[in-house]
Amino acid sequence: METYWEHISGHLWWRQWSEPYEVPHGYMVFSDGRFDDWLVGRVELDEELIDWAQNRLRYIGEVLEVEWLDDAASRHVRDEVLGLDGP
């Protein structure tokens, strides 16, 4: 999850921001070593959650069948594979 704010109004020296909100940050590592990441917008989140509950992931116009990692495997990928050392 990532915390974001939307720019509501203003210019360089004064800006008004929305209340903070969290959005999922997806990471994908391909078998050939390529890497991609993306953010799930607030508008799309409800639809994405339904897909995730049914082991599906939308990625660049495709619907992929996925197998979710357990907590330990997820931490290993986050820390060791992606180098994102979380809390």
Protein backbone atom coordinates (compact mmCIF):
# COMPACT_ATOMS: atom_id res chain seq x y z
CA MET A 1 0.00 0.00 0.00
CA GLU A 2 1.11 3.54 -0.74
CA THR A 3 -0.21 6.78 0.76
CA TYR A 4 -1.17 9.51 -1.70
CA TRP A 5 -2.72 12.95 -1.79
CA GLU A 6 -4.42 14.54 -4.76
CA HIS A 7 -3.53 18.07 -5.82
CA ILE A 8 -6.83 19.96 -5.58
CA SER A 9 -5.82 23.54 -6.44
CA GLY A 10 -3.04 26.08 -6.30
CA HIS A 11 0.32 26.61 -7.93
CA LEU A 12 3.97 26.14 -7.03
CA TRP A 13 4.14 28.18 -3.82
CA TRP A 14 0.65 27.38 -2.47
CA ARG A 15 -1.26 24.22 -3.02
CA GLN A 16 -4.30 22.57 -1.54
CA TRP A 17 -4.20 18.80 -1.17
CA SER A 18 -6.86 16.15 -0.53
CA GLU A 19 -6.97 14.08 2.62
CA PRO A 20 -4.45 11.22 2.39
CA TYR A 21 -5.63 7.87 1.07
CA GLU A 22 -4.01 4.51 0.43
CA VAL A 23 -3.80 2.66 -2.87
CA PRO A 24 -2.25 -0.72 -3.69
CA HIS A 25 1.13 -0.65 -5.45
CA GLY A 26 1.55 -3.70 -7.68
CA TYR A 27 4.91 -5.21 -8.58
CA MET A 28 5.54 -7.84 -11.26
CA VAL A 29 8.78 -9.64 -12.06
CA PHE A 30 8.81 -11.58 -15.32
CA SER A 31 10.70 -14.81 -15.90
CA ASP A 32 13.11 -13.00 -18.27
CA GLY A 33 14.07 -10.54 -15.51
CA ARG A 34 11.94 -7.60 -16.66
CA PHE A 35 10.10 -5.69 -13.95
CA ASP A 36 6.96 -3.54 -13.89
CA ASP A 37 5.00 -1.72 -11.23
CA TRP A 38 1.72 0.18 -11.12
CA LEU A 39 -0.74 1.86 -8.80
CA VAL A 40 -4.38 0.87 -8.52
CA GLY A 41 -6.50 4.02 -8.54
CA ARG A 42 -9.28 4.63 -6.05
CA VAL A 43 -11.91 4.40 -8.78
CA GLU A 44 -10.71 0.95 -9.93
CA LEU A 45 -10.08 -0.49 -6.47
CA ASP A 46 -13.50 -2.05 -5.83
CA GLU A 47 -13.41 -3.93 -9.14
CA GLU A 48 -9.82 -5.02 -8.55
CA LEU A 49 -10.64 -6.37 -5.07
CA ILE A 50 -13.40 -8.54 -6.53
CA ASP A 51 -10.94 -9.93 -9.09
CA TRP A 52 -8.25 -10.52 -6.46
CA ALA A 53 -10.69 -12.48 -4.30
CA GLN A 54 -11.21 -14.77 -7.32
CA ASN A 55 -7.46 -15.18 -8.01
CA ARG A 56 -7.48 -12.86 -11.02
CA LEU A 57 -5.26 -9.88 -11.78
CA ARG A 58 -5.85 -7.30 -14.52
CA TYR A 59 -2.62 -6.29 -16.22
CA ILE A 60 -2.38 -4.19 -19.39
CA GLY A 61 -5.74 -5.28 -20.79
CA GLU A 62 -5.37 -8.93 -19.85
CA VAL A 63 -6.93 -10.88 -17.00
CA LEU A 64 -4.36 -13.23 -15.49
CA GLU A 65 -5.00 -16.17 -13.20
CA VAL A 66 -2.76 -15.80 -10.15
CA GLU A 67 -1.71 -17.75 -7.09
CA TRP A 68 -1.25 -15.52 -4.05
CA LEU A 69 1.79 -15.94 -1.79
CA ASP A 70 1.41 -16.56 1.94
CA ASP A 71 2.78 -13.97 4.38
CA ALA A 72 6.26 -15.50 4.69
CA ALA A 73 6.75 -15.91 0.93
CA SER A 74 5.39 -12.42 0.31
CA ARG A 75 7.87 -10.92 2.79
CA HIS A 76 10.73 -12.85 1.17
CA VAL A 77 9.85 -11.53 -2.30
CA ARG A 78 9.38 -7.97 -0.99
CA ASP A 79 12.67 -7.94 0.94
CA GLU A 80 15.03 -10.25 -0.95
CA VAL A 81 13.79 -10.25 -4.54
CA LEU A 82 12.48 -6.69 -4.92
CA GLY A 83 14.72 -5.11 -2.27
CA LEU A 84 11.87 -3.11 -0.74
CA ASP A 85 12.65 -3.92 2.92
CA GLY A 86 9.31 -3.21 4.57
CA PRO A 87 8.42 -2.73 8.22
